[in-house]
Amino acid sequence: MAKSIVTVDGKGRVTIPKKVRKELDIEEGGAFFLNYDKKGVLQLTKAVEDNPLVALKEYSEKEYKTGGTRNFREYIKEREQG
């Protein structure tokens, strides 16, 4: 596994070096899962397009932006009724 040194800016952002972005085909706006533990280990995993969690995130954001959010209990009731 390759290593790079990165820094965190005042807003908590980390810049992935250009060489790494190119090698891993990381584009602006790319989504990642961040896993971490109390020992200070951070792991970024590219959220691939066919991952159902990515689809759920995109759907949820769309619903929120269009005002279509609703209570989860209401959603379950609607599904059970028809």
PDB file of N, CA and C in Angstrom:
ATOM      1  N   MET A   1       0.847  -1.169   0.000  1.00  0.00           N
ATOM      2  CA  MET A   1       0.000   0.000   0.000  1.00  0.00           C
ATOM      3  C   MET A   1       0.897   1.239   0.000  1.00  0.00           C
ATOM      4  N   ALA A   2       0.613   2.173  -0.867  1.00  0.00           N
ATOM      5  CA  ALA A   2       1.389   3.410  -0.962  1.00  0.00           C
ATOM      6  C   ALA A   2       0.968   4.381   0.138  1.00  0.00           C
ATOM      7  N   LYS A   3       1.854   5.307   0.484  1.00  0.00           N
ATOM      8  CA  LYS A   3       1.565   6.298   1.516  1.00  0.00           C
ATOM      9  C   LYS A   3       1.856   7.689   0.989  1.00  0.00           C
ATOM     10  N   SER A   4       1.087   8.657   1.474  1.00  0.00           N
ATOM     11  CA  SER A   4       1.308  10.066   1.170  1.00  0.00           C
ATOM     12  C   SER A   4       1.086  10.852   2.444  1.00  0.00           C
ATOM     13  N   ILE A   5       1.790  11.959   2.588  1.00  0.00           N
ATOM     14  CA  ILE A   5       1.554  12.849   3.710  1.00  0.00           C
ATOM     15  C   ILE A   5       0.613  13.949   3.236  1.00  0.00           C
ATOM     16  N   VAL A   6      -0.455  14.151   4.000  1.00  0.00           N
ATOM     17  CA  VAL A   6      -1.430  15.193   3.687  1.00  0.00           C
ATOM     18  C   VAL A   6      -1.659  16.026   4.938  1.00  0.00           C
ATOM     19  N   THR A   7      -2.216  17.214   4.766  1.00  0.00           N
ATOM     20  CA  THR A   7      -2.516  18.081   5.899  1.00  0.00           C
ATOM     21  C   THR A   7      -4.003  18.415   5.905  1.00  0.00           C
ATOM     22  N   VAL A   8      -4.470  18.856   7.042  1.00  0.00           N
ATOM     23  CA  VAL A   8      -5.868  19.245   7.206  1.00  0.00           C
ATOM     24  C   VAL A   8      -5.911  20.772   7.281  1.00  0.00           C
ATOM     25  N   ASP A   9      -6.821  21.391   6.498  1.00  0.00           N
ATOM     26  CA  ASP A   9      -6.903  22.855   6.550  1.00  0.00           C
ATOM     27  C   ASP A   9      -7.858  23.292   7.663  1.00  0.00           C
ATOM     28  N   GLY A  10      -8.060  24.580   7.783  1.00  0.00           N
ATOM     29  CA  GLY A  10      -8.890  25.146   8.851  1.00  0.00           C
ATOM     30  C   GLY A  10     -10.338  24.710   8.840  1.00  0.00           C
ATOM     31  N   LYS A  11     -10.819  24.235   7.703  1.00  0.00           N
ATOM     32  CA  LYS A  11     -12.196  23.758   7.603  1.00  0.00           C
ATOM     33  C   LYS A  11     -12.290  22.241   7.714  1.00  0.00           C
ATOM     34  N   GLY A  12     -11.174  21.595   8.020  1.00  0.00           N
ATOM     35  CA  GLY A  12     -11.181  20.144   8.179  1.00  0.00           C
ATOM     36  C   GLY A  12     -11.020  19.376   6.880  1.00  0.00           C
ATOM     37  N   ARG A  13     -10.691  20.060   5.810  1.00  0.00           N
ATOM     38  CA  ARG A  13     -10.539  19.408   4.514  1.00  0.00           C
ATOM     39  C   ARG A  13      -9.141  18.849   4.338  1.00  0.00           C
ATOM     40  N   VAL A  14      -9.074  17.715   3.691  1.00  0.00           N
ATOM     41  CA  VAL A  14      -7.806  17.077   3.354  1.00  0.00           C
ATOM     42  C   VAL A  14      -7.703  17.053   1.840  1.00  0.00           C
ATOM     43  N   THR A  15      -6.563  17.481   1.299  1.00  0.00           N
ATOM     44  CA  THR A  15      -6.361  17.440  -0.143  1.00  0.00           C
ATOM     45  C   THR A  15      -5.645  16.147  -0.510  1.00  0.00           C
ATOM     46  N   ILE A  16      -6.254  15.393  -1.406  1.00  0.00           N
ATOM     47  CA  ILE A  16      -5.623  14.176  -1.915  1.00  0.00           C
ATOM     48  C   ILE A  16      -4.658  14.616  -3.011  1.00  0.00           C
ATOM     49  N   PRO A  17      -3.393  14.232  -2.915  1.00  0.00           N
ATOM     50  CA  PRO A  17      -2.408  14.672  -3.913  1.00  0.00           C
ATOM     51  C   PRO A  17      -2.830  14.326  -5.352  1.00  0.00           C
ATOM     52  N   LYS A  18      -2.486  15.215  -6.269  1.00  0.00           N
ATOM     53  CA  LYS A  18      -2.857  15.066  -7.675  1.00  0.00           C
ATOM     54  C   LYS A  18      -2.430  13.712  -8.233  1.00  0.00           C
ATOM     55  N   LYS A  19      -1.225  13.282  -7.906  1.00  0.00           N
ATOM     56  CA  LYS A  19      -0.723  11.987  -8.397  1.00  0.00           C
ATOM     57  C   LYS A  19      -1.639  10.840  -7.961  1.00  0.00           C
ATOM     58  N   VAL A  20      -2.097  10.890  -6.719  1.00  0.00           N
ATOM     59  CA  VAL A  20      -2.982   9.841  -6.189  1.00  0.00           C
ATOM     60  C   VAL A  20      -4.356   9.918  -6.859  1.00  0.00           C
ATOM     61  N   ARG A  21      -4.873  11.141  -7.008  1.00  0.00           N
ATOM     62  CA  ARG A  21      -6.182  11.309  -7.668  1.00  0.00           C
ATOM     63  C   ARG A  21      -6.147  10.748  -9.086  1.00  0.00           C
ATOM     64  N   LYS A  22      -5.064  11.025  -9.790  1.00  0.00           N
ATOM     65  CA  LYS A  22      -4.940  10.543 -11.162  1.00  0.00           C
ATOM     66  C   LYS A  22      -4.832   9.017 -11.193  1.00  0.00           C
ATOM     67  N   GLU A  23      -3.990   8.472 -10.332  1.00  0.00           N
ATOM     68  CA  GLU A  23      -3.771   7.029 -10.290  1.00  0.00           C
ATOM     69  C   GLU A  23      -5.044   6.260  -9.938  1.00  0.00           C
ATOM     70  N   LEU A  24      -5.855   6.842  -9.059  1.00  0.00           N
ATOM     71  CA  LEU A  24      -7.076   6.154  -8.605  1.00  0.00           C
ATOM     72  C   LEU A  24      -8.340   6.641  -9.304  1.00  0.00           C
ATOM     73  N   ASP A  25      -8.173   7.495 -10.306  1.00  0.00           N
ATOM     74  CA  ASP A  25      -9.302   8.035 -11.064  1.00  0.00           C
ATOM     75  C   ASP A  25     -10.334   8.693 -10.150  1.00  0.00           C
ATOM     76  N   ILE A  26      -9.846   9.573  -9.288  1.00  0.00           N
ATOM     77  CA  ILE A  26     -10.705  10.315  -8.365  1.00  0.00           C
ATOM     78  C   ILE A  26     -11.025  11.659  -8.998  1.00  0.00           C
ATOM     79  N   GLU A  27     -12.308  11.937  -9.162  1.00  0.00           N
ATOM     80  CA  GLU A  27     -12.742  13.185  -9.779  1.00  0.00           C
ATOM     81  C   GLU A  27     -13.380  14.092  -8.735  1.00  0.00           C
ATOM     82  N   GLU A  28     -13.453  15.374  -9.055  1.00  0.00           N
ATOM     83  CA  GLU A  28     -14.100  16.339  -8.169  1.00  0.00           C
ATOM     84  C   GLU A  28     -15.523  15.880  -7.856  1.00  0.00           C
ATOM     85  N   GLY A  29     -15.905  15.947  -6.607  1.00  0.00           N
ATOM     86  CA  GLY A  29     -17.246  15.541  -6.196  1.00  0.00           C
ATOM     87  C   GLY A  29     -17.375  14.059  -5.910  1.00  0.00           C
ATOM     88  N   GLY A  30     -16.269  13.322  -6.041  1.00  0.00           N
ATOM     89  CA  GLY A  30     -16.309  11.885  -5.782  1.00  0.00           C
ATOM     90  C   GLY A  30     -16.738  11.589  -4.350  1.00  0.00           C
ATOM     91  N   ALA A  31     -17.450  10.501  -4.155  1.00  0.00           N
ATOM     92  CA  ALA A  31     -17.950  10.118  -2.827  1.00  0.00           C
ATOM     93  C   ALA A  31     -17.077   9.017  -2.231  1.00  0.00           C
ATOM     94  N   PHE A  32     -16.873   9.123  -0.930  1.00  0.00           N
ATOM     95  CA  PHE A  32     -16.048   8.158  -0.205  1.00  0.00           C
ATOM     96  C   PHE A  32     -16.709   7.787   1.102  1.00  0.00           C
ATOM     97  N   PHE A  33     -16.411   6.581   1.567  1.00  0.00           N
ATOM     98  CA  PHE A  33     -16.775   6.189   2.916  1.00  0.00           C
ATOM     99  C   PHE A  33     -15.545   6.454   3.780  1.00  0.00           C
ATOM    100  N   LEU A  34     -15.745   7.033   4.959  1.00  0.00           N
ATOM    101  CA  LEU A  34     -14.655   7.285   5.894  1.00  0.00           C
ATOM    102  C   LEU A  34     -14.826   6.356   7.081  1.00  0.00           C
ATOM    103  N   ASN A  35     -13.868   5.466   7.262  1.00  0.00           N
ATOM    104  CA  ASN A  35     -13.846   4.581   8.424  1.00  0.00           C
ATOM    105  C   ASN A  35     -12.698   5.029   9.315  1.00  0.00           C
ATOM    106  N   TYR A  36     -12.907   4.988  10.606  1.00  0.00           N
ATOM    107  CA  TYR A  36     -11.854   5.405  11.534  1.00  0.00           C
ATOM    108  C   TYR A  36     -12.013   4.677  12.863  1.00  0.00           C
ATOM    109  N   ASP A  37     -10.938   4.666  13.636  1.00  0.00           N
ATOM    110  CA  ASP A  37     -11.011   4.077  14.968  1.00  0.00           C
ATOM    111  C   ASP A  37     -10.371   5.022  15.977  1.00  0.00           C
ATOM    112  N   LYS A  38     -10.470   4.686  17.240  1.00  0.00           N
ATOM    113  CA  LYS A  38      -9.969   5.560  18.304  1.00  0.00           C
ATOM    114  C   LYS A  38      -8.449   5.600  18.367  1.00  0.00           C
ATOM    115  N   LYS A  39      -7.783   4.731  17.631  1.00  0.00           N
ATOM    116  CA  LYS A  39      -6.320   4.730  17.594  1.00  0.00           C
ATOM    117  C   LYS A  39      -5.794   5.753  16.589  1.00  0.00           C
ATOM    118  N   GLY A  40      -6.698   6.410  15.850  1.00  0.00           N
ATOM    119  CA  GLY A  40      -6.273   7.417  14.880  1.00  0.00           C
ATOM    120  C   GLY A  40      -6.111   6.883  13.473  1.00  0.00           C
ATOM    121  N   VAL A  41      -6.587   5.670  13.222  1.00  0.00           N
ATOM    122  CA  VAL A  41      -6.496   5.100  11.875  1.00  0.00           C
ATOM    123  C   VAL A  41      -7.695   5.586  11.064  1.00  0.00           C
ATOM    124  N   LEU A  42      -7.409   6.216   9.932  1.00  0.00           N
ATOM    125  CA  LEU A  42      -8.444   6.680   8.999  1.00  0.00           C
ATOM    126  C   LEU A  42      -8.339   5.867   7.722  1.00  0.00           C
ATOM    127  N   GLN A  43      -9.475   5.516   7.151  1.00  0.00           N
ATOM    128  CA  GLN A  43      -9.471   4.781   5.886  1.00  0.00           C
ATOM    129  C   GLN A  43     -10.568   5.360   4.998  1.00  0.00           C
ATOM    130  N   LEU A  44     -10.179   5.798   3.817  1.00  0.00           N
ATOM    131  CA  LEU A  44     -11.143   6.256   2.815  1.00  0.00           C
ATOM    132  C   LEU A  44     -11.348   5.142   1.810  1.00  0.00           C
ATOM    133  N   THR A  45     -12.591   4.849   1.509  1.00  0.00           N
ATOM    134  CA  THR A  45     -12.909   3.839   0.507  1.00  0.00           C
ATOM    135  C   THR A  45     -13.798   4.491  -0.538  1.00  0.00           C
ATOM    136  N   LYS A  46     -13.402   4.391  -1.786  1.00  0.00           N
ATOM    137  CA  LYS A  46     -14.178   4.982  -2.872  1.00  0.00           C
ATOM    138  C   LYS A  46     -15.559   4.340  -2.902  1.00  0.00           C
ATOM    139  N   ALA A  47     -16.574   5.169  -2.889  1.00  0.00           N
ATOM    140  CA  ALA A  47     -17.949   4.678  -2.929  1.00  0.00           C
ATOM    141  C   ALA A  47     -18.301   4.432  -4.388  1.00  0.00           C
ATOM    142  N   VAL A  48     -18.268   3.192  -4.796  1.00  0.00           N
ATOM    143  CA  VAL A  48     -18.506   2.852  -6.195  1.00  0.00           C
ATOM    144  C   VAL A  48     -19.974   3.026  -6.545  1.00  0.00           C
ATOM    145  N   GLU A  49     -20.207   3.339  -7.796  1.00  0.00           N
ATOM    146  CA  GLU A  49     -21.553   3.669  -8.269  1.00  0.00           C
ATOM    147  C   GLU A  49     -22.575   2.566  -8.051  1.00  0.00           C
ATOM    148  N   ASP A  50     -22.156   1.306  -8.092  1.00  0.00           N
ATOM    149  CA  ASP A  50     -23.137   0.229  -7.954  1.00  0.00           C
ATOM    150  C   ASP A  50     -23.385  -0.146  -6.500  1.00  0.00           C
ATOM    151  N   ASN A  51     -22.813   0.600  -5.571  1.00  0.00           N
ATOM    152  CA  ASN A  51     -23.030   0.352  -4.158  1.00  0.00           C
ATOM    153  C   ASN A  51     -24.420   0.873  -3.793  1.00  0.00           C
ATOM    154  N   PRO A  52     -25.264   0.053  -3.185  1.00  0.00           N
ATOM    155  CA  PRO A  52     -26.621   0.501  -2.854  1.00  0.00           C
ATOM    156  C   PRO A  52     -26.656   1.680  -1.891  1.00  0.00           C
ATOM    157  N   LEU A  53     -25.641   1.841  -1.056  1.00  0.00           N
ATOM    158  CA  LEU A  53     -25.620   2.981  -0.144  1.00  0.00           C
ATOM    159  C   LEU A  53     -25.427   4.292  -0.894  1.00  0.00           C
ATOM    160  N   VAL A  54     -24.673   4.253  -1.983  1.00  0.00           N
ATOM    161  CA  VAL A  54     -24.487   5.454  -2.790  1.00  0.00           C
ATOM    162  C   VAL A  54     -25.814   5.833  -3.443  1.00  0.00           C
ATOM    163  N   ALA A  55     -26.524   4.846  -3.974  1.00  0.00           N
ATOM    164  CA  ALA A  55     -27.823   5.103  -4.591  1.00  0.00           C
ATOM    165  C   ALA A  55     -28.798   5.662  -3.551  1.00  0.00           C
ATOM    166  N   LEU A  56     -28.773   5.116  -2.347  1.00  0.00           N
ATOM    167  CA  LEU A  56     -29.652   5.594  -1.285  1.00  0.00           C
ATOM    168  C   LEU A  56     -29.315   7.037  -0.908  1.00  0.00           C
ATOM    169  N   LYS A  57     -28.021   7.354  -0.829  1.00  0.00           N
ATOM    170  CA  LYS A  57     -27.590   8.716  -0.518  1.00  0.00           C
ATOM    171  C   LYS A  57     -28.101   9.692  -1.575  1.00  0.00           C
ATOM    172  N   GLU A  58     -27.916   9.329  -2.851  1.00  0.00           N
ATOM    173  CA  GLU A  58     -28.349  10.201  -3.938  1.00  0.00           C
ATOM    174  C   GLU A  58     -29.861  10.396  -3.917  1.00  0.00           C
ATOM    175  N   TYR A  59     -30.608   9.308  -3.685  1.00  0.00           N
ATOM    176  CA  TYR A  59     -32.065   9.387  -3.623  1.00  0.00           C
ATOM    177  C   TYR A  59     -32.493  10.278  -2.457  1.00  0.00           C
ATOM    178  N   SER A  60     -31.862  10.085  -1.300  1.00  0.00           N
ATOM    179  CA  SER A  60     -32.214  10.859  -0.110  1.00  0.00           C
ATOM    180  C   SER A  60     -31.962  12.339  -0.326  1.00  0.00           C
ATOM    181  N   GLU A  61     -30.827  12.668  -0.930  1.00  0.00           N
ATOM    182  CA  GLU A  61     -30.518  14.077  -1.199  1.00  0.00           C
ATOM    183  C   GLU A  61     -31.528  14.682  -2.155  1.00  0.00           C
ATOM    184  N   LYS A  62     -31.903  13.935  -3.178  1.00  0.00           N
ATOM    185  CA  LYS A  62     -32.892  14.424  -4.153  1.00  0.00           C
ATOM    186  C   LYS A  62     -34.230  14.683  -3.463  1.00  0.00           C
ATOM    187  N   GLU A  63     -34.661  13.742  -2.639  1.00  0.00           N
ATOM    188  CA  GLU A  63     -35.925  13.891  -1.916  1.00  0.00           C
ATOM    189  C   GLU A  63     -35.882  15.106  -0.996  1.00  0.00           C
ATOM    190  N   TYR A  64     -34.768  15.289  -0.321  1.00  0.00           N
ATOM    191  CA  TYR A  64     -34.635  16.423   0.601  1.00  0.00           C
ATOM    192  C   TYR A  64     -34.711  17.743  -0.168  1.00  0.00           C
ATOM    193  N   LYS A  65     -33.978  17.830  -1.267  1.00  0.00           N
ATOM    194  CA  LYS A  65     -33.921  19.071  -2.041  1.00  0.00           C
ATOM    195  C   LYS A  65     -35.267  19.419  -2.674  1.00  0.00           C
ATOM    196  N   THR A  66     -36.071  18.416  -3.007  1.00  0.00           N
ATOM    197  CA  THR A  66     -37.365  18.679  -3.642  1.00  0.00           C
ATOM    198  C   THR A  66     -38.507  18.735  -2.636  1.00  0.00           C
ATOM    199  N   GLY A  67     -38.162  18.663  -1.345  1.00  0.00           N
ATOM    200  CA  GLY A  67     -39.193  18.748  -0.309  1.00  0.00           C
ATOM    201  C   GLY A  67     -39.978  17.461  -0.130  1.00  0.00           C
ATOM    202  N   GLY A  68     -39.473  16.375  -0.671  1.00  0.00           N
ATOM    203  CA  GLY A  68     -40.193  15.101  -0.598  1.00  0.00           C
ATOM    204  C   GLY A  68     -39.836  14.242   0.593  1.00  0.00           C
ATOM    205  N   THR A  69     -39.135  14.822   1.570  1.00  0.00           N
ATOM    206  CA  THR A  69     -38.780  14.009   2.733  1.00  0.00           C
ATOM    207  C   THR A  69     -40.013  13.722   3.554  1.00  0.00           C
ATOM    208  N   ARG A  70     -39.997  12.584   4.214  1.00  0.00           N
ATOM    209  CA  ARG A  70     -41.116  12.234   5.074  1.00  0.00           C
ATOM    210  C   ARG A  70     -40.626  11.354   6.208  1.00  0.00           C
ATOM    211  N   ASN A  71     -41.478  11.178   7.158  1.00  0.00           N
ATOM    212  CA  ASN A  71     -41.182  10.368   8.319  1.00  0.00           C
ATOM    213  C   ASN A  71     -41.043   8.909   7.903  1.00  0.00           C
ATOM    214  N   PHE A  72     -40.043   8.224   8.443  1.00  0.00           N
ATOM    215  CA  PHE A  72     -39.804   6.825   8.083  1.00  0.00           C
ATOM    216  C   PHE A  72     -41.008   5.951   8.414  1.00  0.00           C
ATOM    217  N   ARG A  73     -41.663   6.213   9.531  1.00  0.00           N
ATOM    218  CA  ARG A  73     -42.857   5.428   9.907  1.00  0.00           C
ATOM    219  C   ARG A  73     -43.967   5.601   8.874  1.00  0.00           C
ATOM    220  N   GLU A  74     -44.143   6.832   8.373  1.00  0.00           N
ATOM    221  CA  GLU A  74     -45.147   7.080   7.340  1.00  0.00           C
ATOM    222  C   GLU A  74     -44.798   6.298   6.069  1.00  0.00           C
ATOM    223  N   TYR A  75     -43.543   6.282   5.734  1.00  0.00           N
ATOM    224  CA  TYR A  75     -43.092   5.547   4.546  1.00  0.00           C
ATOM    225  C   TYR A  75     -43.403   4.054   4.682  1.00  0.00           C
ATOM    226  N   ILE A  76     -43.111   3.477   5.844  1.00  0.00           N
ATOM    227  CA  ILE A  76     -43.382   2.056   6.073  1.00  0.00           C
ATOM    228  C   ILE A  76     -44.880   1.785   5.982  1.00  0.00           C
ATOM    229  N   LYS A  77     -45.701   2.658   6.573  1.00  0.00           N
ATOM    230  CA  LYS A  77     -47.158   2.495   6.509  1.00  0.00           C
ATOM    231  C   LYS A  77     -47.636   2.477   5.054  1.00  0.00           C
ATOM    232  N   GLU A  78     -47.146   3.419   4.268  1.00  0.00           N
ATOM    233  CA  GLU A  78     -47.533   3.501   2.856  1.00  0.00           C
ATOM    234  C   GLU A  78     -47.152   2.230   2.113  1.00  0.00           C
ATOM    235  N   ARG A  79     -45.968   1.726   2.393  1.00  0.00           N
ATOM    236  CA  ARG A  79     -45.513   0.480   1.727  1.00  0.00           C
ATOM    237  C   ARG A  79     -46.387  -0.696   2.115  1.00  0.00           C
ATOM    238  N   GLU A  80     -46.778  -0.780   3.372  1.00  0.00           N
ATOM    239  CA  GLU A  80     -47.597  -1.898   3.852  1.00  0.00           C
ATOM    240  C   GLU A  80     -49.002  -1.832   3.277  1.00  0.00           C
ATOM    241  N   GLN A  81     -49.513  -0.610   3.026  1.00  0.00           N
ATOM    242  CA  GLN A  81     -50.870  -0.439   2.510  1.00  0.00           C
ATOM    243  C   GLN A  81     -50.965  -0.669   0.998  1.00  0.00           C
ATOM    244  N   GLY A  82     -49.888  -0.604   0.324  1.00  0.00           N
ATOM    245  CA  GLY A  82     -50.081  -0.791  -1.090  1.00  0.00           C
ATOM    246  C   GLY A  82     -48.879  -0.709  -1.889  1.00  0.00           C
TER     247      GLY A  82
END
